[in-house]
């Protein structure tokens, strides 16, 4: 291992992560949008509805992580909050993907479990994941609140949802780092509003 190369990579990536987060710190519109998402989720949960999250790859892991923060706890000792990640049921995903299409793995589950007043949150760094897009379209038809967490452009998802949290980066690792930070902030606001 080359120590100079390793040190350079570490310092560069940390600096890049800080830079994107600094942009978010200065972005009043992003913070207002995050507050709007928190308000939507809080009201849904307060009224007995649930949150459904989804994504692919690293975004699937982030969706599962955030669902666990709601059903377990984030910072406060409180009642469990109903949230689920639609990407964790391998039997449903493989059956739907095989019998219909991979594009429908989330939309079929929204159709099955989604009720008016629930909230669907789709994570996609590109904003162009077709299965997340189909899920958001189905969620709207089923009268769910819809949220996307994307990268800088927002992709096609930005126009397919009620609220879109766009991270000012085109680099997948930096976007995902900020998605989990924004998700943690969301969890904290919701938790304090409902149970603080």
N, C-alpha and C. Protein backbone atom coordinates (compact mmCIF):
# COMPACT_ATOMS: atom_id res chain seq x y z
N UNK A 1 0.85 -1.18 0.00
CA UNK A 1 0.00 0.00 0.00
C UNK A 1 0.90 1.24 0.00
N UNK A 2 0.55 2.18 -0.85
CA UNK A 2 1.31 3.43 -0.97
C UNK A 2 0.74 4.46 0.02
N UNK A 3 1.49 4.78 1.09
CA UNK A 3 0.95 5.70 2.11
C UNK A 3 0.59 7.07 1.56
N UNK A 4 1.37 7.58 0.63
CA UNK A 4 1.06 8.91 0.07
C UNK A 4 -0.25 8.89 -0.71
N UNK A 5 -0.43 7.84 -1.50
CA UNK A 5 -1.67 7.71 -2.27
C UNK A 5 -2.86 7.57 -1.34
N UNK A 6 -2.74 6.72 -0.33
CA UNK A 6 -3.84 6.51 0.62
C UNK A 6 -4.21 7.79 1.33
N UNK A 7 -3.21 8.52 1.80
CA UNK A 7 -3.46 9.79 2.50
C UNK A 7 -4.13 10.79 1.57
N UNK A 8 -3.67 10.83 0.32
CA UNK A 8 -4.24 11.75 -0.67
C UNK A 8 -5.70 11.42 -0.95
N UNK A 9 -6.01 10.14 -1.12
CA UNK A 9 -7.39 9.72 -1.39
C UNK A 9 -8.27 10.07 -0.20
N UNK A 10 -7.81 9.75 1.00
CA UNK A 10 -8.61 10.02 2.20
C UNK A 10 -8.92 11.51 2.31
N UNK A 11 -7.90 12.33 2.21
CA UNK A 11 -8.08 13.78 2.36
C UNK A 11 -8.99 14.34 1.28
N UNK A 12 -8.81 13.86 0.05
CA UNK A 12 -9.61 14.37 -1.07
C UNK A 12 -11.08 14.02 -0.89
N UNK A 13 -11.37 12.76 -0.54
CA UNK A 13 -12.77 12.34 -0.41
C UNK A 13 -13.45 13.02 0.78
N UNK A 14 -12.74 13.19 1.87
CA UNK A 14 -13.32 13.90 3.03
C UNK A 14 -13.61 15.34 2.65
N UNK A 15 -12.69 15.97 1.94
CA UNK A 15 -12.90 17.36 1.52
C UNK A 15 -14.08 17.48 0.58
N UNK A 16 -14.21 16.51 -0.34
CA UNK A 16 -15.35 16.54 -1.27
C UNK A 16 -16.67 16.39 -0.53
N UNK A 17 -16.71 15.50 0.45
CA UNK A 17 -17.93 15.30 1.23
C UNK A 17 -18.29 16.57 2.00
N UNK A 18 -17.30 17.18 2.61
CA UNK A 18 -17.54 18.43 3.34
C UNK A 18 -18.05 19.51 2.40
N UNK A 19 -17.48 19.57 1.21
CA UNK A 19 -17.87 20.60 0.24
C UNK A 19 -19.34 20.50 -0.13
N UNK A 20 -19.82 19.29 -0.39
CA UNK A 20 -21.24 19.13 -0.74
C UNK A 20 -22.12 19.47 0.46
N UNK A 21 -21.71 19.07 1.63
CA UNK A 21 -22.50 19.37 2.83
C UNK A 21 -22.49 20.87 3.13
N UNK A 22 -21.39 21.53 2.81
CA UNK A 22 -21.33 22.99 2.98
C UNK A 22 -22.35 23.67 2.06
N UNK A 23 -22.48 23.15 0.84
CA UNK A 23 -23.49 23.69 -0.08
C UNK A 23 -24.89 23.53 0.50
N UNK A 24 -25.16 22.39 1.12
CA UNK A 24 -26.47 22.16 1.73
C UNK A 24 -26.69 23.07 2.94
N UNK A 25 -25.62 23.31 3.68
CA UNK A 25 -25.72 24.21 4.84
C UNK A 25 -26.12 25.61 4.43
N UNK A 26 -25.67 26.01 3.25
CA UNK A 26 -25.95 27.36 2.75
C UNK A 26 -27.22 27.43 1.90
N UNK A 27 -27.82 26.28 1.62
CA UNK A 27 -28.98 26.20 0.72
C UNK A 27 -30.28 26.25 1.51
N UNK A 28 -30.82 27.45 1.67
CA UNK A 28 -32.05 27.65 2.44
C UNK A 28 -33.22 26.91 1.80
N UNK A 29 -33.25 26.86 0.48
CA UNK A 29 -34.35 26.18 -0.22
C UNK A 29 -34.32 24.68 0.06
N UNK A 30 -33.13 24.08 0.10
CA UNK A 30 -33.03 22.65 0.41
C UNK A 30 -33.53 22.39 1.82
N UNK A 31 -33.12 23.23 2.76
CA UNK A 31 -33.53 23.04 4.15
C UNK A 31 -35.05 23.20 4.29
N UNK A 32 -35.62 24.15 3.56
CA UNK A 32 -37.07 24.34 3.60
C UNK A 32 -37.78 23.12 3.01
N UNK A 33 -37.22 22.56 1.93
CA UNK A 33 -37.79 21.36 1.33
C UNK A 33 -37.72 20.18 2.30
N UNK A 34 -36.60 20.05 3.01
CA UNK A 34 -36.47 18.98 3.99
C UNK A 34 -37.49 19.14 5.12
N UNK A 35 -37.72 20.38 5.52
CA UNK A 35 -38.76 20.65 6.53
C UNK A 35 -40.14 20.27 6.00
N UNK A 36 -40.40 20.53 4.71
CA UNK A 36 -41.68 20.14 4.10
C UNK A 36 -41.84 18.62 4.09
N UNK A 37 -40.76 17.91 3.78
CA UNK A 37 -40.81 16.45 3.81
C UNK A 37 -41.11 15.97 5.23
N UNK A 38 -40.43 16.57 6.21
CA UNK A 38 -40.65 16.19 7.61
C UNK A 38 -42.10 16.45 8.02
N UNK A 39 -42.66 17.56 7.56
CA UNK A 39 -44.06 17.89 7.87
C UNK A 39 -44.99 16.84 7.25
N UNK A 40 -44.75 16.46 6.00
CA UNK A 40 -45.57 15.47 5.31
C UNK A 40 -45.53 14.13 6.05
N UNK A 41 -44.33 13.69 6.40
CA UNK A 41 -44.16 12.40 7.09
C UNK A 41 -44.77 12.46 8.48
N UNK A 42 -44.54 13.55 9.20
CA UNK A 42 -45.09 13.69 10.55
C UNK A 42 -46.60 13.61 10.54
N UNK A 43 -47.23 14.35 9.63
CA UNK A 43 -48.70 14.34 9.57
C UNK A 43 -49.24 12.97 9.19
N UNK A 44 -48.56 12.29 8.28
CA UNK A 44 -49.00 10.95 7.89
C UNK A 44 -48.94 10.01 9.10
N UNK A 45 -47.82 10.02 9.80
CA UNK A 45 -47.68 9.13 10.95
C UNK A 45 -48.62 9.51 12.08
N UNK A 46 -48.82 10.80 12.28
CA UNK A 46 -49.75 11.26 13.32
C UNK A 46 -51.17 10.76 13.05
N UNK A 47 -51.52 10.64 11.78
CA UNK A 47 -52.87 10.21 11.39
C UNK A 47 -52.99 8.70 11.22
N UNK A 48 -51.96 7.95 11.63
CA UNK A 48 -52.03 6.49 11.57
C UNK A 48 -51.61 5.89 10.25
N UNK A 49 -50.97 6.66 9.39
CA UNK A 49 -50.49 6.15 8.11
C UNK A 49 -49.06 5.65 8.24
N UNK A 50 -48.50 5.18 7.15
CA UNK A 50 -47.16 4.60 7.15
C UNK A 50 -46.28 5.24 6.09
N UNK A 51 -44.99 4.95 6.20
CA UNK A 51 -43.99 5.42 5.23
C UNK A 51 -43.41 4.20 4.55
N UNK A 52 -43.32 4.25 3.21
CA UNK A 52 -42.70 3.18 2.43
C UNK A 52 -41.53 3.76 1.67
N UNK A 53 -40.35 3.16 1.85
CA UNK A 53 -39.13 3.65 1.21
C UNK A 53 -38.62 2.61 0.23
N UNK A 54 -37.88 3.08 -0.78
CA UNK A 54 -37.35 2.15 -1.77
C UNK A 54 -36.15 2.74 -2.49
N UNK A 55 -35.32 1.87 -3.02
CA UNK A 55 -34.17 2.28 -3.81
C UNK A 55 -33.46 1.05 -4.34
N UNK A 56 -32.43 1.26 -5.13
CA UNK A 56 -31.65 0.18 -5.73
C UNK A 56 -30.19 0.29 -5.25
N UNK A 57 -29.55 -0.85 -5.04
CA UNK A 57 -28.14 -0.84 -4.65
C UNK A 57 -27.91 -0.13 -3.34
N UNK A 58 -26.98 0.83 -3.33
CA UNK A 58 -26.71 1.60 -2.12
C UNK A 58 -27.94 2.35 -1.64
N UNK A 59 -28.77 2.78 -2.56
CA UNK A 59 -30.01 3.48 -2.18
C UNK A 59 -30.99 2.52 -1.52
N UNK A 60 -30.94 1.25 -1.89
CA UNK A 60 -31.78 0.24 -1.21
C UNK A 60 -31.32 0.10 0.24
N UNK A 61 -30.01 0.08 0.44
CA UNK A 61 -29.47 0.00 1.80
C UNK A 61 -29.88 1.23 2.61
N UNK A 62 -29.85 2.40 1.98
CA UNK A 62 -30.26 3.63 2.67
C UNK A 62 -31.75 3.60 3.01
N UNK A 63 -32.57 3.09 2.10
CA UNK A 63 -34.02 2.98 2.36
C UNK A 63 -34.26 2.06 3.55
N UNK A 64 -33.55 0.94 3.58
CA UNK A 64 -33.70 -0.02 4.69
C UNK A 64 -33.21 0.61 5.99
N UNK A 65 -32.11 1.33 5.94
CA UNK A 65 -31.55 2.01 7.11
C UNK A 65 -32.57 2.99 7.69
N UNK A 66 -33.16 3.82 6.85
CA UNK A 66 -34.10 4.83 7.34
C UNK A 66 -35.39 4.21 7.86
N UNK A 67 -35.86 3.17 7.20
CA UNK A 67 -37.05 2.46 7.71
C UNK A 67 -36.78 1.93 9.11
N UNK A 68 -35.58 1.41 9.33
CA UNK A 68 -35.22 0.88 10.64
C UNK A 68 -35.16 1.99 11.69
N UNK A 69 -34.73 3.18 11.30
CA UNK A 69 -34.69 4.30 12.26
C UNK A 69 -36.10 4.63 12.75
N UNK A 70 -37.08 4.53 11.86
CA UNK A 70 -38.47 4.81 12.24
C UNK A 70 -39.05 3.69 13.10
N UNK A 71 -38.87 2.44 12.69
CA UNK A 71 -39.51 1.35 13.42
C UNK A 71 -38.79 1.03 14.73
N UNK A 72 -37.49 1.24 14.75
CA UNK A 72 -36.73 1.06 15.99
C UNK A 72 -36.80 2.36 16.77
N UNK A 73 -35.71 3.10 16.70
CA UNK A 73 -35.69 4.46 17.24
C UNK A 73 -34.49 5.16 16.62
N UNK A 74 -34.56 6.46 16.60
CA UNK A 74 -33.42 7.24 16.14
C UNK A 74 -32.65 7.76 17.35
N UNK A 75 -33.17 8.80 18.01
CA UNK A 75 -32.52 9.34 19.21
C UNK A 75 -33.37 9.20 20.46
N UNK A 76 -34.68 9.24 20.29
CA UNK A 76 -35.58 9.25 21.45
C UNK A 76 -36.18 7.89 21.71
N UNK A 77 -36.38 7.58 22.98
CA UNK A 77 -37.13 6.38 23.35
C UNK A 77 -38.61 6.70 23.12
N UNK A 78 -39.25 5.98 22.22
CA UNK A 78 -40.64 6.29 21.84
C UNK A 78 -41.28 5.07 21.20
N UNK A 79 -42.57 5.22 20.86
CA UNK A 79 -43.29 4.13 20.22
C UNK A 79 -42.70 3.88 18.82
N UNK A 80 -42.87 2.67 18.34
CA UNK A 80 -42.42 2.33 16.99
C UNK A 80 -43.27 3.09 15.98
N UNK A 81 -42.64 3.56 14.92
CA UNK A 81 -43.34 4.28 13.86
C UNK A 81 -43.36 3.40 12.61
N UNK A 82 -44.53 3.27 11.96
CA UNK A 82 -44.67 2.32 10.85
C UNK A 82 -43.96 2.77 9.56
N UNK A 83 -42.89 2.08 9.25
CA UNK A 83 -42.12 2.35 8.02
C UNK A 83 -41.56 1.03 7.52
N UNK A 84 -41.52 0.88 6.21
CA UNK A 84 -40.93 -0.32 5.65
C UNK A 84 -40.18 -0.01 4.37
N UNK A 85 -39.16 -0.80 4.12
CA UNK A 85 -38.38 -0.68 2.89
C UNK A 85 -38.88 -1.74 1.92
N UNK A 86 -39.32 -1.31 0.75
CA UNK A 86 -39.91 -2.24 -0.22
C UNK A 86 -38.88 -3.09 -0.94
N UNK A 87 -37.60 -2.81 -0.75
CA UNK A 87 -36.56 -3.56 -1.45
C UNK A 87 -36.03 -4.76 -0.65
N UNK A 88 -36.63 -5.06 0.51
CA UNK A 88 -36.06 -6.12 1.35
C UNK A 88 -36.75 -7.48 1.18
N UNK A 89 -37.92 -7.53 0.57
CA UNK A 89 -38.63 -8.79 0.42
C UNK A 89 -38.18 -9.46 -0.88
N UNK A 90 -37.18 -10.32 -0.78
CA UNK A 90 -36.60 -10.91 -1.99
C UNK A 90 -37.59 -11.78 -2.75
N UNK A 91 -38.49 -12.44 -2.05
CA UNK A 91 -39.47 -13.27 -2.75
C UNK A 91 -40.41 -12.41 -3.58
N UNK A 92 -40.88 -11.29 -3.01
CA UNK A 92 -41.76 -10.39 -3.77
C UNK A 92 -41.00 -9.78 -4.94
N UNK A 93 -39.79 -9.32 -4.69
CA UNK A 93 -39.01 -8.66 -5.75
C UNK A 93 -38.74 -9.62 -6.90
N UNK A 94 -38.32 -10.85 -6.58
CA UNK A 94 -38.00 -11.78 -7.66
C UNK A 94 -39.25 -12.29 -8.36
N UNK A 95 -40.34 -12.48 -7.63
CA UNK A 95 -41.58 -12.92 -8.27
C UNK A 95 -42.11 -11.84 -9.21
N UNK A 96 -42.17 -10.61 -8.72
CA UNK A 96 -42.67 -9.51 -9.56
C UNK A 96 -41.75 -9.27 -10.74
N UNK A 97 -40.43 -9.28 -10.47
CA UNK A 97 -39.47 -9.08 -11.55
C UNK A 97 -39.57 -10.16 -12.61
N UNK A 98 -39.78 -11.40 -12.18
CA UNK A 98 -39.87 -12.52 -13.11
C UNK A 98 -41.21 -12.53 -13.87
N UNK A 99 -42.30 -12.31 -13.14
CA UNK A 99 -43.63 -12.44 -13.74
C UNK A 99 -44.06 -11.19 -14.51
N UNK A 100 -43.57 -10.05 -14.11
CA UNK A 100 -43.94 -8.79 -14.75
C UNK A 100 -42.71 -8.13 -15.36
N UNK A 101 -41.98 -7.39 -14.51
CA UNK A 101 -40.80 -6.68 -14.98
C UNK A 101 -40.10 -6.10 -13.77
N UNK A 102 -38.78 -5.96 -13.85
CA UNK A 102 -38.03 -5.34 -12.76
C UNK A 102 -38.53 -3.91 -12.52
N UNK A 103 -39.04 -3.28 -13.56
CA UNK A 103 -39.57 -1.91 -13.43
C UNK A 103 -40.76 -1.84 -12.48
N UNK A 104 -41.38 -2.98 -12.19
CA UNK A 104 -42.61 -2.98 -11.39
C UNK A 104 -42.42 -3.51 -9.97
N UNK A 105 -41.18 -3.78 -9.56
CA UNK A 105 -40.97 -4.43 -8.26
C UNK A 105 -41.47 -3.59 -7.09
N UNK A 106 -41.45 -2.28 -7.23
CA UNK A 106 -41.93 -1.41 -6.15
C UNK A 106 -43.39 -1.00 -6.37
N UNK A 107 -43.76 -0.76 -7.62
CA UNK A 107 -45.13 -0.28 -7.88
C UNK A 107 -46.17 -1.33 -7.51
N UNK A 108 -45.87 -2.61 -7.73
CA UNK A 108 -46.82 -3.66 -7.33
C UNK A 108 -46.99 -3.68 -5.81
N UNK A 109 -45.91 -3.45 -5.08
CA UNK A 109 -46.00 -3.43 -3.63
C UNK A 109 -46.75 -2.19 -3.12
N UNK A 110 -46.55 -1.07 -3.80
CA UNK A 110 -47.32 0.14 -3.46
C UNK A 110 -48.81 -0.14 -3.68
N UNK A 111 -49.12 -0.79 -4.80
CA UNK A 111 -50.51 -1.13 -5.10
C UNK A 111 -51.09 -2.05 -4.03
N UNK A 112 -50.27 -2.96 -3.52
CA UNK A 112 -50.73 -3.93 -2.53
C UNK A 112 -50.89 -3.31 -1.14
N UNK A 113 -49.93 -2.47 -0.74
CA UNK A 113 -49.88 -1.99 0.65
C UNK A 113 -50.22 -0.53 0.84
N UNK A 114 -50.16 0.25 -0.23
CA UNK A 114 -50.34 1.69 -0.09
C UNK A 114 -51.79 2.08 0.11
N UNK A 115 -52.02 2.98 1.05
CA UNK A 115 -53.35 3.52 1.31
C UNK A 115 -53.29 5.04 1.21
N UNK A 116 -54.39 5.67 0.82
CA UNK A 116 -54.40 7.14 0.76
C UNK A 116 -53.92 7.74 2.09
N UNK A 117 -53.00 8.67 2.01
CA UNK A 117 -52.44 9.29 3.20
C UNK A 117 -51.08 8.75 3.60
N UNK A 118 -50.71 7.57 3.09
CA UNK A 118 -49.36 7.05 3.32
C UNK A 118 -48.36 7.92 2.56
N UNK A 119 -47.08 7.71 2.82
CA UNK A 119 -46.02 8.44 2.12
C UNK A 119 -45.05 7.45 1.50
N UNK A 120 -44.74 7.65 0.21
CA UNK A 120 -43.74 6.85 -0.49
C UNK A 120 -42.51 7.71 -0.71
N UNK A 121 -41.35 7.19 -0.32
CA UNK A 121 -40.08 7.90 -0.49
C UNK A 121 -39.16 7.05 -1.36
N UNK A 122 -38.78 7.59 -2.51
CA UNK A 122 -37.91 6.88 -3.43
C UNK A 122 -36.53 7.51 -3.47
N UNK A 123 -35.50 6.69 -3.29
CA UNK A 123 -34.12 7.16 -3.36
C UNK A 123 -33.50 6.72 -4.67
N UNK A 124 -32.94 7.66 -5.40
CA UNK A 124 -32.28 7.37 -6.67
C UNK A 124 -31.26 8.47 -6.94
N UNK A 125 -29.99 8.11 -6.95
CA UNK A 125 -28.96 9.15 -7.13
C UNK A 125 -29.09 9.84 -8.48
N UNK A 126 -29.47 9.08 -9.50
CA UNK A 126 -29.65 9.67 -10.84
C UNK A 126 -30.99 10.37 -10.98
N UNK A 127 -31.98 9.92 -10.21
CA UNK A 127 -33.34 10.41 -10.39
C UNK A 127 -34.03 9.76 -11.57
N UNK A 128 -33.41 8.74 -12.14
CA UNK A 128 -33.95 8.11 -13.35
C UNK A 128 -34.23 6.61 -13.20
N UNK A 129 -34.22 6.09 -12.00
CA UNK A 129 -34.48 4.66 -11.80
C UNK A 129 -35.93 4.37 -12.18
N UNK A 130 -36.12 3.53 -13.20
CA UNK A 130 -37.47 3.30 -13.72
C UNK A 130 -38.40 2.66 -12.71
N UNK A 131 -37.86 1.75 -11.89
CA UNK A 131 -38.74 1.09 -10.92
C UNK A 131 -39.18 2.08 -9.83
N UNK A 132 -38.33 3.02 -9.47
CA UNK A 132 -38.73 4.05 -8.50
C UNK A 132 -39.73 5.01 -9.15
N UNK A 133 -39.51 5.36 -10.39
CA UNK A 133 -40.44 6.24 -11.12
C UNK A 133 -41.82 5.60 -11.21
N UNK A 134 -41.89 4.32 -11.59
CA UNK A 134 -43.19 3.63 -11.67
C UNK A 134 -43.87 3.59 -10.30
N UNK A 135 -43.08 3.39 -9.27
CA UNK A 135 -43.65 3.36 -7.92
C UNK A 135 -44.25 4.72 -7.55
N UNK A 136 -43.57 5.80 -7.90
CA UNK A 136 -44.08 7.13 -7.57
C UNK A 136 -45.36 7.42 -8.37
N UNK A 137 -45.41 6.97 -9.61
CA UNK A 137 -46.62 7.16 -10.41
C UNK A 137 -47.79 6.38 -9.81
N UNK A 138 -47.54 5.16 -9.39
CA UNK A 138 -48.58 4.35 -8.75
C UNK A 138 -48.99 4.97 -7.42
N UNK A 139 -48.01 5.46 -6.66
CA UNK A 139 -48.31 6.09 -5.37
C UNK A 139 -49.23 7.30 -5.56
N UNK A 140 -48.97 8.09 -6.56
CA UNK A 140 -49.84 9.25 -6.82
C UNK A 140 -51.25 8.80 -7.18
N UNK A 141 -51.35 7.75 -8.00
CA UNK A 141 -52.67 7.24 -8.38
C UNK A 141 -53.43 6.72 -7.16
N UNK A 142 -52.68 6.21 -6.18
CA UNK A 142 -53.29 5.66 -4.96
C UNK A 142 -53.41 6.72 -3.86
N UNK A 143 -53.12 7.98 -4.20
CA UNK A 143 -53.27 9.12 -3.29
C UNK A 143 -52.31 9.08 -2.10
N UNK A 144 -51.09 8.64 -2.33
CA UNK A 144 -50.04 8.71 -1.33
C UNK A 144 -49.27 10.01 -1.53
N UNK A 145 -48.67 10.52 -0.47
CA UNK A 145 -47.70 11.59 -0.60
C UNK A 145 -46.43 11.00 -1.22
N UNK A 146 -45.76 11.76 -2.08
CA UNK A 146 -44.60 11.23 -2.77
C UNK A 146 -43.38 12.13 -2.58
N UNK A 147 -42.24 11.49 -2.30
CA UNK A 147 -40.98 12.19 -2.06
C UNK A 147 -39.88 11.46 -2.82
N UNK A 148 -38.99 12.21 -3.44
CA UNK A 148 -37.80 11.64 -4.05
C UNK A 148 -36.57 12.25 -3.40
N UNK A 149 -35.54 11.43 -3.26
CA UNK A 149 -34.22 11.90 -2.85
C UNK A 149 -33.28 11.55 -4.00
N UNK A 150 -32.70 12.57 -4.62
CA UNK A 150 -31.93 12.38 -5.85
C UNK A 150 -30.61 13.14 -5.79
N UNK A 151 -29.91 13.11 -6.92
CA UNK A 151 -28.73 13.94 -7.11
C UNK A 151 -29.12 15.29 -7.68
N UNK A 152 -28.15 15.98 -8.20
CA UNK A 152 -28.29 17.38 -8.60
C UNK A 152 -29.42 17.65 -9.59
N UNK A 153 -29.54 16.84 -10.62
CA UNK A 153 -30.52 17.14 -11.66
C UNK A 153 -31.95 16.80 -11.26
N UNK A 154 -32.10 15.83 -10.38
CA UNK A 154 -33.44 15.35 -10.02
C UNK A 154 -33.98 14.34 -11.00
N UNK A 155 -33.37 14.27 -12.19
CA UNK A 155 -33.81 13.32 -13.20
C UNK A 155 -35.30 13.43 -13.49
N UNK A 156 -35.89 12.34 -13.95
CA UNK A 156 -37.32 12.34 -14.25
C UNK A 156 -38.16 12.33 -12.97
N UNK A 157 -37.56 11.91 -11.87
CA UNK A 157 -38.33 11.83 -10.62
C UNK A 157 -38.76 13.19 -10.11
N UNK A 158 -37.98 14.22 -10.38
CA UNK A 158 -38.30 15.54 -9.80
C UNK A 158 -39.68 16.03 -10.20
N UNK A 159 -40.15 15.61 -11.38
CA UNK A 159 -41.48 16.03 -11.85
C UNK A 159 -42.55 14.99 -11.56
N UNK A 160 -42.17 13.88 -10.93
CA UNK A 160 -43.12 12.79 -10.68
C UNK A 160 -43.51 12.70 -9.21
N UNK A 161 -43.01 13.65 -8.39
CA UNK A 161 -43.26 13.58 -6.94
C UNK A 161 -43.74 14.94 -6.42
N UNK A 162 -44.28 14.91 -5.21
CA UNK A 162 -44.71 16.14 -4.55
C UNK A 162 -43.51 16.96 -4.09
N UNK A 163 -42.49 16.27 -3.56
CA UNK A 163 -41.32 16.94 -3.00
C UNK A 163 -40.07 16.19 -3.44
N UNK A 164 -39.05 16.93 -3.88
CA UNK A 164 -37.81 16.31 -4.33
C UNK A 164 -36.62 16.95 -3.63
N UNK A 165 -35.90 16.15 -2.86
CA UNK A 165 -34.67 16.60 -2.19
C UNK A 165 -33.50 16.30 -3.11
N UNK A 166 -32.95 17.34 -3.73
CA UNK A 166 -31.85 17.18 -4.68
C UNK A 166 -30.53 17.56 -4.02
N UNK A 167 -29.59 16.63 -4.05
CA UNK A 167 -28.25 16.87 -3.50
C UNK A 167 -27.40 17.50 -4.60
N UNK A 168 -26.70 18.60 -4.31
CA UNK A 168 -25.93 19.32 -5.34
C UNK A 168 -24.62 18.63 -5.70
N UNK A 169 -24.73 17.44 -6.28
CA UNK A 169 -23.56 16.69 -6.71
C UNK A 169 -23.99 15.72 -7.81
N UNK A 170 -23.02 15.33 -8.63
CA UNK A 170 -23.28 14.31 -9.64
C UNK A 170 -22.52 13.02 -9.32
N UNK A 171 -21.82 13.00 -8.20
CA UNK A 171 -21.04 11.84 -7.79
C UNK A 171 -21.84 10.97 -6.82
N UNK A 172 -22.08 9.73 -7.22
CA UNK A 172 -22.93 8.83 -6.44
C UNK A 172 -22.52 8.73 -4.97
N UNK A 173 -21.23 8.54 -4.64
CA UNK A 173 -20.89 8.43 -3.21
C UNK A 173 -21.25 9.68 -2.42
N UNK A 174 -21.01 10.86 -2.98
CA UNK A 174 -21.32 12.11 -2.27
C UNK A 174 -22.83 12.28 -2.10
N UNK A 175 -23.58 11.89 -3.12
CA UNK A 175 -25.04 11.98 -3.05
C UNK A 175 -25.57 11.06 -1.96
N UNK A 176 -25.08 9.82 -1.95
CA UNK A 176 -25.55 8.86 -0.95
C UNK A 176 -25.19 9.28 0.47
N UNK A 177 -23.99 9.85 0.64
CA UNK A 177 -23.61 10.35 1.97
C UNK A 177 -24.60 11.42 2.45
N UNK A 178 -25.01 12.27 1.54
CA UNK A 178 -25.94 13.34 1.90
C UNK A 178 -27.37 12.84 2.04
N UNK A 179 -27.73 11.79 1.30
CA UNK A 179 -29.05 11.19 1.47
C UNK A 179 -29.22 10.67 2.89
N UNK A 180 -28.20 9.98 3.39
CA UNK A 180 -28.34 9.42 4.73
C UNK A 180 -28.32 10.53 5.77
N UNK A 181 -27.56 11.59 5.54
CA UNK A 181 -27.57 12.72 6.46
C UNK A 181 -28.96 13.38 6.47
N UNK A 182 -29.51 13.62 5.30
CA UNK A 182 -30.85 14.22 5.21
C UNK A 182 -31.88 13.29 5.83
N UNK A 183 -31.73 11.99 5.61
CA UNK A 183 -32.64 11.03 6.22
C UNK A 183 -32.57 11.04 7.74
N UNK A 184 -31.37 11.17 8.27
CA UNK A 184 -31.23 11.26 9.72
C UNK A 184 -31.88 12.53 10.26
N UNK A 185 -31.70 13.64 9.56
CA UNK A 185 -32.35 14.89 9.98
C UNK A 185 -33.86 14.72 9.95
N UNK A 186 -34.37 14.10 8.88
CA UNK A 186 -35.81 13.82 8.77
C UNK A 186 -36.28 13.01 9.97
N UNK A 187 -35.57 11.95 10.30
CA UNK A 187 -35.95 11.10 11.43
C UNK A 187 -35.98 11.90 12.73
N UNK A 188 -34.99 12.75 12.92
CA UNK A 188 -34.94 13.52 14.17
C UNK A 188 -36.10 14.50 14.27
N UNK A 189 -36.39 15.20 13.19
CA UNK A 189 -37.51 16.16 13.22
C UNK A 189 -38.82 15.43 13.49
N UNK A 190 -39.06 14.33 12.77
CA UNK A 190 -40.31 13.58 12.94
C UNK A 190 -40.43 13.05 14.36
N UNK A 191 -39.35 12.49 14.86
CA UNK A 191 -39.34 11.94 16.20
C UNK A 191 -39.66 13.01 17.25
N UNK A 192 -39.04 14.16 17.12
CA UNK A 192 -39.25 15.23 18.10
C UNK A 192 -40.67 15.80 17.99
N UNK A 193 -41.17 15.89 16.76
CA UNK A 193 -42.54 16.40 16.58
C UNK A 193 -43.59 15.46 17.17
N UNK A 194 -43.37 14.17 16.99
CA UNK A 194 -44.37 13.19 17.43
C UNK A 194 -44.19 12.76 18.89
N UNK A 195 -42.96 12.72 19.33
CA UNK A 195 -42.69 12.06 20.61
C UNK A 195 -41.81 12.88 21.55
N UNK A 196 -41.38 14.07 21.15
CA UNK A 196 -40.42 14.83 21.95
C UNK A 196 -41.04 15.52 23.14
